[in-house]
N, C-alpha and C. Protein backbone atom coordinates (compact mmCIF):
# COMPACT_ATOMS: atom_id res chain seq x y z
N MET A 1 75.20 19.94 121.04
CA MET A 1 75.60 20.87 119.91
C MET A 1 75.17 22.29 119.98
N SER A 2 73.89 22.28 120.46
CA SER A 2 73.38 23.78 120.90
C SER A 2 74.21 24.43 121.85
N GLN A 3 74.78 23.72 122.88
CA GLN A 3 75.61 24.28 123.88
C GLN A 3 76.82 25.10 123.40
N ARG A 4 77.24 24.52 122.32
CA ARG A 4 78.56 25.02 121.83
C ARG A 4 78.23 26.46 121.15
N TYR A 5 77.20 26.66 120.52
CA TYR A 5 76.82 28.00 119.89
C TYR A 5 76.13 28.98 120.93
N ARG A 6 75.94 28.47 122.02
CA ARG A 6 75.31 29.38 123.04
C ARG A 6 76.29 29.95 123.86
N THR A 7 76.24 31.27 123.82
CA THR A 7 77.25 32.14 124.73
C THR A 7 76.45 33.20 125.38
N ASN A 8 76.99 33.63 126.52
CA ASN A 8 76.42 34.67 127.20
C ASN A 8 77.34 35.93 127.14
N ALA A 9 76.80 37.00 127.52
CA ALA A 9 77.70 38.19 127.48
C ALA A 9 78.83 38.03 128.46
N GLN A 10 78.63 37.49 129.70
CA GLN A 10 79.79 37.55 130.59
C GLN A 10 80.89 36.54 130.07
N SER A 11 80.60 35.37 129.60
CA SER A 11 81.58 34.43 129.04
C SER A 11 82.29 35.11 127.83
N ARG A 12 81.70 35.80 127.07
CA ARG A 12 82.28 36.22 125.93
C ARG A 12 83.31 37.43 126.28
N SER A 13 83.00 38.31 127.33
CA SER A 13 83.78 39.37 127.68
C SER A 13 84.97 38.67 128.54
N GLN A 14 84.71 37.64 129.02
CA GLN A 14 85.88 36.92 129.82
C GLN A 14 86.92 36.31 128.75
N LEU A 15 86.49 35.80 127.66
CA LEU A 15 87.18 35.30 126.65
C LEU A 15 87.96 36.29 125.85
N LEU A 16 87.18 37.25 125.36
CA LEU A 16 87.76 38.26 124.44
C LEU A 16 88.30 39.57 125.16
N GLY A 17 87.88 39.91 126.29
CA GLY A 17 88.25 41.02 127.13
C GLY A 17 87.20 42.25 126.65
N PRO A 18 87.36 43.27 127.23
CA PRO A 18 86.49 44.30 127.02
C PRO A 18 86.73 44.95 125.61
N PRO A 19 85.85 45.39 124.80
CA PRO A 19 86.03 45.88 123.61
C PRO A 19 86.76 47.18 123.62
N ASP A 20 87.92 47.30 122.71
CA ASP A 20 88.76 48.46 122.95
C ASP A 20 88.35 49.40 121.66
N TYR A 21 87.24 49.42 121.29
CA TYR A 21 86.85 50.33 120.10
C TYR A 21 85.45 50.82 120.40
N SER A 22 85.24 51.70 119.70
CA SER A 22 83.67 52.33 119.68
C SER A 22 83.14 52.11 118.30
N THR A 23 82.02 52.17 118.15
CA THR A 23 81.41 51.98 116.78
C THR A 23 81.55 53.27 116.10
N PRO A 24 81.96 53.38 114.84
CA PRO A 24 82.08 54.68 114.14
C PRO A 24 80.53 55.16 113.73
N PRO A 25 80.38 56.33 113.56
CA PRO A 25 79.25 56.76 113.18
C PRO A 25 78.83 56.42 111.81
N SER A 26 77.73 55.91 111.48
CA SER A 26 77.35 55.38 110.12
C SER A 26 77.29 56.58 109.10
N SER A 27 77.93 56.39 108.11
CA SER A 27 78.03 57.35 107.03
C SER A 27 77.31 56.77 105.78
N GLY A 28 77.15 55.56 105.76
CA GLY A 28 76.66 54.89 104.45
C GLY A 28 77.65 54.44 103.64
N ARG A 29 78.99 54.54 104.04
CA ARG A 29 79.99 54.14 103.16
C ARG A 29 81.08 53.49 104.06
N SER A 30 81.90 52.69 103.51
CA SER A 30 82.99 51.95 104.28
C SER A 30 84.25 52.90 104.20
N SER A 31 85.20 52.77 105.09
CA SER A 31 86.51 53.56 104.98
C SER A 31 87.28 52.96 103.99
N PRO A 32 87.84 53.69 103.19
CA PRO A 32 88.87 53.29 102.14
C PRO A 32 90.27 52.99 102.69
N LEU A 33 90.46 53.45 104.03
CA LEU A 33 91.74 53.19 104.66
C LEU A 33 91.94 51.84 105.26
N GLY A 34 90.71 51.12 105.39
CA GLY A 34 90.97 49.79 106.17
C GLY A 34 90.98 49.89 107.64
N ALA A 35 91.34 48.81 108.19
CA ALA A 35 91.34 48.86 109.71
C ALA A 35 92.62 49.57 110.38
N ALA A 36 93.77 49.54 109.59
CA ALA A 36 94.93 50.12 110.32
C ALA A 36 95.08 51.58 109.70
N VAL A 37 94.90 52.49 110.69
CA VAL A 37 95.09 54.01 110.21
C VAL A 37 96.08 54.53 111.26
N ALA A 38 97.10 55.07 110.77
CA ALA A 38 98.10 55.82 111.65
C ALA A 38 98.76 54.84 112.64
N GLY A 39 98.92 53.46 112.43
CA GLY A 39 99.60 52.72 113.29
C GLY A 39 98.73 52.11 114.18
N ARG A 40 97.53 52.42 114.14
CA ARG A 40 96.52 51.77 115.13
C ARG A 40 95.60 50.76 114.37
N GLU A 41 95.17 49.85 115.17
CA GLU A 41 94.26 48.85 114.58
C GLU A 41 92.92 49.32 114.30
N ASN A 42 92.47 50.19 115.19
CA ASN A 42 91.06 50.87 114.86
C ASN A 42 91.12 52.25 115.01
N PRO A 43 90.74 52.86 113.98
CA PRO A 43 90.88 54.43 114.05
C PRO A 43 90.00 54.99 114.95
N PHE A 44 89.04 54.34 115.42
CA PHE A 44 87.79 54.87 116.27
C PHE A 44 87.99 54.64 117.68
N ALA A 45 89.13 54.14 118.03
CA ALA A 45 89.36 53.70 119.41
C ALA A 45 89.66 54.94 120.24
N PRO A 46 89.22 54.89 121.39
CA PRO A 46 89.50 56.10 122.29
C PRO A 46 90.92 56.34 122.56
N MET A 47 91.30 57.59 122.60
CA MET A 47 92.86 57.55 122.85
C MET A 47 93.22 57.92 124.30
N GLY A 48 92.38 58.58 125.01
CA GLY A 48 92.67 58.66 126.47
C GLY A 48 93.19 60.38 126.66
N GLN A 49 93.42 60.45 127.86
CA GLN A 49 93.82 61.81 128.27
C GLN A 49 94.98 62.45 127.61
N ARG A 50 96.08 61.66 127.29
CA ARG A 50 97.21 62.18 126.61
C ARG A 50 96.93 62.68 125.33
N TYR A 51 96.09 61.77 124.58
CA TYR A 51 95.70 62.45 123.20
C TYR A 51 94.93 63.68 123.25
N ALA A 52 93.95 63.81 124.35
CA ALA A 52 93.25 65.05 124.25
C ALA A 52 94.17 66.16 124.76
N ASP A 53 95.30 65.95 125.40
CA ASP A 53 96.12 67.04 125.94
C ASP A 53 97.06 67.34 124.63
N ASP A 54 97.31 66.40 123.85
CA ASP A 54 98.07 66.72 122.76
C ASP A 54 97.25 67.55 121.68
N LEU A 55 95.96 67.26 121.53
CA LEU A 55 95.13 68.04 120.62
C LEU A 55 94.94 69.43 121.27
N GLU A 56 94.74 69.49 122.40
CA GLU A 56 94.62 70.76 123.04
C GLU A 56 95.81 71.63 122.97
N SER A 57 96.98 71.12 122.94
CA SER A 57 98.34 71.82 122.70
C SER A 57 98.27 72.24 121.34
N GLN A 58 97.93 71.41 120.39
CA GLN A 58 98.03 71.61 118.99
C GLN A 58 96.99 72.82 118.79
N ASN A 59 95.88 72.77 119.36
CA ASN A 59 94.90 73.76 119.15
C ASN A 59 95.41 75.14 119.70
N ASP A 60 96.12 74.91 120.80
CA ASP A 60 96.77 76.28 121.38
C ASP A 60 97.68 76.90 120.56
N GLU A 61 98.60 75.98 119.86
CA GLU A 61 99.59 76.59 118.91
C GLU A 61 98.95 77.16 117.72
N HIS A 62 97.80 76.47 117.20
CA HIS A 62 97.30 76.96 116.01
C HIS A 62 96.56 78.29 116.34
N LEU A 63 96.09 78.34 117.67
CA LEU A 63 95.46 79.55 118.15
C LEU A 63 96.45 80.89 118.20
N GLU A 64 97.60 80.49 118.74
CA GLU A 64 98.65 81.50 118.93
C GLU A 64 99.08 81.90 117.55
N GLY A 65 99.15 80.96 116.57
CA GLY A 65 99.55 81.45 115.23
C GLY A 65 98.51 82.20 114.46
N LEU A 66 97.32 82.01 114.78
CA LEU A 66 96.12 82.81 114.30
C LEU A 66 96.17 84.18 114.99
N THR A 67 96.37 84.14 116.23
CA THR A 67 96.54 85.41 116.91
C THR A 67 97.58 86.34 116.47
N ALA A 68 98.67 85.80 116.08
CA ALA A 68 99.86 86.46 115.51
C ALA A 68 99.59 87.11 114.14
N LYS A 69 98.97 86.22 113.38
CA LYS A 69 98.47 86.60 112.04
C LYS A 69 97.30 87.79 112.05
N VAL A 70 96.57 87.74 112.98
CA VAL A 70 95.53 88.78 113.08
C VAL A 70 96.06 90.11 113.45
N LYS A 71 97.29 89.85 114.51
CA LYS A 71 97.87 91.11 114.85
C LYS A 71 98.56 91.71 113.67
N ILE A 72 99.21 90.86 112.88
CA ILE A 72 99.95 91.51 111.74
C ILE A 72 99.03 92.16 110.81
N LEU A 73 97.84 91.60 110.51
CA LEU A 73 96.76 92.13 109.70
C LEU A 73 96.33 93.42 110.41
N LYS A 74 96.18 93.57 111.68
CA LYS A 74 95.74 94.72 112.33
C LYS A 74 96.66 95.70 112.14
N ASP A 75 98.12 95.51 112.21
CA ASP A 75 99.08 96.54 112.08
C ASP A 75 99.04 96.88 110.72
N ILE A 76 99.02 96.08 109.67
CA ILE A 76 98.88 96.35 108.39
C ILE A 76 97.71 97.41 108.09
N THR A 77 96.65 97.11 108.49
CA THR A 77 95.53 98.01 108.40
C THR A 77 95.62 99.25 109.00
N LEU A 78 96.19 99.27 110.29
CA LEU A 78 96.62 100.64 110.87
C LEU A 78 97.52 101.53 110.00
N ALA A 79 98.70 100.79 109.51
CA ALA A 79 99.50 101.50 108.62
C ALA A 79 98.96 101.94 107.47
N ILE A 80 98.01 101.25 106.80
CA ILE A 80 97.34 101.71 105.65
C ILE A 80 96.44 102.97 106.02
N GLY A 81 95.80 102.89 107.11
CA GLY A 81 94.99 103.99 107.58
C GLY A 81 95.71 105.24 107.65
N SER A 82 96.90 105.14 108.42
CA SER A 82 97.75 106.42 108.57
C SER A 82 98.39 106.88 107.16
N GLU A 83 98.63 105.86 106.33
CA GLU A 83 99.28 106.39 105.03
C GLU A 83 98.09 107.06 104.19
N VAL A 84 96.86 106.64 104.37
CA VAL A 84 95.77 107.21 103.66
C VAL A 84 95.70 108.69 104.15
N LYS A 85 95.71 108.72 105.45
CA LYS A 85 95.54 110.18 106.30
C LYS A 85 96.58 111.05 105.73
N ASP A 86 97.89 110.49 105.79
CA ASP A 86 99.02 111.45 105.36
C ASP A 86 99.00 111.87 103.86
N SER A 87 98.35 110.97 103.01
CA SER A 87 98.17 111.10 101.54
C SER A 87 97.20 112.07 101.31
N THR A 88 95.97 112.08 102.07
CA THR A 88 95.02 113.02 102.06
C THR A 88 95.42 114.43 102.41
N ILE A 89 96.28 114.42 103.48
CA ILE A 89 96.86 115.86 103.84
C ILE A 89 97.72 116.38 102.72
N GLN A 90 98.57 115.55 102.29
CA GLN A 90 99.45 116.04 101.07
C GLN A 90 98.76 116.54 99.96
N LEU A 91 97.60 115.70 99.53
CA LEU A 91 96.76 115.90 98.39
C LEU A 91 95.90 117.36 98.62
N SER A 92 95.55 117.62 99.93
CA SER A 92 94.91 118.74 100.03
C SER A 92 95.86 119.96 99.94
N GLN A 93 97.20 119.82 100.54
CA GLN A 93 98.18 120.78 100.39
C GLN A 93 98.62 121.08 98.93
N MET A 94 98.69 119.91 98.08
CA MET A 94 98.93 120.17 96.67
C MET A 94 97.77 120.87 96.05
N ASN A 95 96.52 120.63 96.40
CA ASN A 95 95.38 121.28 95.77
C ASN A 95 95.47 122.78 96.03
N ASP A 96 95.88 123.08 97.28
CA ASP A 96 95.94 124.41 97.64
C ASP A 96 96.92 125.21 96.86
N ALA A 97 98.37 124.63 96.72
CA ALA A 97 99.35 125.09 95.88
C ALA A 97 98.96 125.28 94.56
N PHE A 98 98.31 124.24 93.85
CA PHE A 98 97.84 124.43 92.59
C PHE A 98 96.96 125.63 92.40
N SER A 99 95.90 125.75 93.26
CA SER A 99 95.16 126.90 93.28
C SER A 99 95.85 128.36 93.39
N GLU A 100 96.92 128.27 94.18
CA GLU A 100 97.54 129.58 94.32
C GLU A 100 98.38 129.74 93.01
N THR A 101 98.99 128.67 92.39
CA THR A 101 99.86 128.82 91.14
C THR A 101 98.91 129.28 90.25
N SER A 102 97.53 128.65 89.98
CA SER A 102 96.73 128.97 88.96
C SER A 102 96.28 130.59 89.17
N GLY A 103 95.97 131.10 90.50
CA GLY A 103 95.90 132.54 90.53
C GLY A 103 97.02 133.31 90.17
N ILE A 104 98.23 132.82 90.44
CA ILE A 104 99.40 133.72 90.07
C ILE A 104 99.51 133.67 88.40
N LEU A 105 99.34 132.31 87.90
CA LEU A 105 99.43 132.48 86.40
C LEU A 105 98.33 133.27 85.64
N ALA A 106 97.16 133.36 86.35
CA ALA A 106 96.00 134.01 85.58
C ALA A 106 96.31 135.46 85.79
N GLY A 107 96.93 135.93 86.95
CA GLY A 107 97.40 137.40 87.09
C GLY A 107 98.45 137.75 86.00
N THR A 108 99.50 136.82 85.91
CA THR A 108 100.42 137.06 84.97
C THR A 108 99.97 137.24 83.56
N PHE A 109 99.05 136.40 83.25
CA PHE A 109 98.54 136.38 81.88
C PHE A 109 97.63 137.69 81.64
N ARG A 110 96.97 138.02 82.61
CA ARG A 110 96.10 139.16 82.48
C ARG A 110 97.11 140.43 82.33
N ARG A 111 98.20 140.47 83.06
CA ARG A 111 99.00 141.67 83.09
C ARG A 111 99.78 141.66 81.57
N MET A 112 100.08 140.50 81.14
CA MET A 112 100.78 140.30 79.86
C MET A 112 99.81 140.82 78.78
N ASN A 113 98.53 140.47 78.77
CA ASN A 113 97.54 140.87 77.77
C ASN A 113 97.34 142.42 77.98
N ASN A 114 97.30 143.02 79.09
CA ASN A 114 97.26 144.45 79.32
C ASN A 114 98.42 145.14 78.86
N MET A 115 99.67 144.55 78.96
CA MET A 115 100.85 145.15 78.26
C MET A 115 100.82 145.20 76.80
N ALA A 116 100.39 143.99 76.20
CA ALA A 116 100.30 143.81 74.74
C ALA A 116 99.25 144.74 74.26
N ALA A 117 98.19 144.93 74.90
CA ALA A 117 97.18 146.00 74.29
C ALA A 117 97.69 147.31 74.48
N ARG A 118 98.52 147.76 75.42
CA ARG A 118 99.11 149.18 75.48
C ARG A 118 100.20 149.28 74.45
N GLN A 119 100.88 148.15 74.15
CA GLN A 119 101.94 148.33 73.13
C GLN A 119 101.43 148.35 71.66
N GLY A 120 100.45 147.92 71.53
CA GLY A 120 99.80 147.92 70.22
C GLY A 120 100.43 146.50 69.54
N CYS A 121 100.75 146.64 68.38
CA CYS A 121 101.24 145.49 67.45
C CYS A 121 102.68 145.41 67.58
N ARG A 122 103.29 146.44 68.05
CA ARG A 122 104.82 146.41 67.97
C ARG A 122 105.54 145.14 68.51
N TRP A 123 105.00 144.64 69.64
CA TRP A 123 105.58 143.54 70.25
C TRP A 123 105.61 142.33 69.46
N LEU A 124 104.44 142.10 68.66
CA LEU A 124 104.42 140.99 67.71
C LEU A 124 105.50 140.98 66.66
N TRP A 125 105.79 142.36 66.20
CA TRP A 125 106.91 142.26 65.16
C TRP A 125 108.20 142.03 65.70
N TYR A 126 108.46 142.51 66.98
CA TYR A 126 109.64 142.13 67.72
C TYR A 126 109.85 140.54 67.71
N ILE A 127 108.79 139.81 68.12
CA ILE A 127 108.86 138.46 68.30
C ILE A 127 109.07 137.83 66.98
N VAL A 128 108.54 138.34 65.82
CA VAL A 128 108.60 137.70 64.62
C VAL A 128 110.15 137.94 64.14
N PHE A 129 110.66 139.08 64.31
CA PHE A 129 112.10 139.37 64.09
C PHE A 129 112.95 138.41 64.78
N LEU A 130 112.66 138.27 66.17
CA LEU A 130 113.46 137.37 66.93
C LEU A 130 113.52 135.92 66.24
N ILE A 131 112.36 135.41 65.94
CA ILE A 131 112.20 134.20 65.49
C ILE A 131 113.04 133.94 64.14
N VAL A 132 112.98 134.92 63.09
CA VAL A 132 113.56 134.97 62.02
C VAL A 132 115.06 135.00 62.14
N VAL A 133 115.52 135.76 63.15
CA VAL A 133 117.05 135.83 63.42
C VAL A 133 117.50 134.49 63.96
N PHE A 134 116.72 133.96 64.76
CA PHE A 134 117.11 132.77 65.41
C PHE A 134 117.14 131.53 64.39
N TRP A 135 116.26 131.58 63.39
CA TRP A 135 116.22 130.62 62.42
C TRP A 135 117.37 130.76 61.54
N PHE A 136 117.76 132.13 61.17
CA PHE A 136 118.92 132.28 60.32
C PHE A 136 120.08 131.77 60.95
N PHE A 137 120.33 131.84 62.25
CA PHE A 137 121.53 131.30 62.85
C PHE A 137 121.63 129.83 63.06
N ILE A 138 120.46 129.25 63.08
CA ILE A 138 120.31 127.73 63.04
C ILE A 138 120.77 127.19 61.64
N VAL A 139 120.22 127.89 60.64
CA VAL A 139 120.35 127.47 59.19
C VAL A 139 121.89 127.58 59.07
N VAL A 140 122.52 128.79 59.45
CA VAL A 140 123.94 129.01 59.15
C VAL A 140 124.75 128.00 59.91
N TRP A 141 124.46 127.70 61.14
CA TRP A 141 125.22 126.78 61.90
C TRP A 141 125.06 125.41 61.31
N TRP A 142 123.93 125.05 60.67
CA TRP A 142 123.67 123.66 60.23
C TRP A 142 124.61 123.42 58.90
N PHE A 143 124.72 124.62 58.19
CA PHE A 143 125.45 124.43 56.83
C PHE A 143 126.94 124.44 57.07
N ARG A 144 127.54 125.08 58.16
CA ARG A 144 128.78 125.24 58.38
C ARG A 144 129.44 123.93 59.11
N ARG A 145 128.69 123.06 59.48
CA ARG A 145 129.14 121.83 60.15
C ARG A 145 129.69 120.92 59.12
């Protein structure tokens, strides 16, 4: 009877064949997926050279995708940079134009005040007269409708 339970490593490997799986790393918990994962009996079985080549080609495809995305981001940032530079140039030109316009308006206002001071108060009466006449025409037009 003791002969029956007694096996050695050589006879066991002859009976069962070489093990086609490797022991998974111990994580302290069991897999919720069970033994069959993705059509394989053991998910931790070595896959061979073809599997490694497939993974390498997938990695290359992902790397090409990431490279394309990085190139797109680089192009976008360069476009943003050139847009900012152009906007800065336009803003400085607008600032110069507003400064020039401010100078022109200040000179015009100064000349108008000088003219008003030379004319005395007559120009004010002319403006009041024009406003009264304009108001009179509006009132007449309103009632004739």
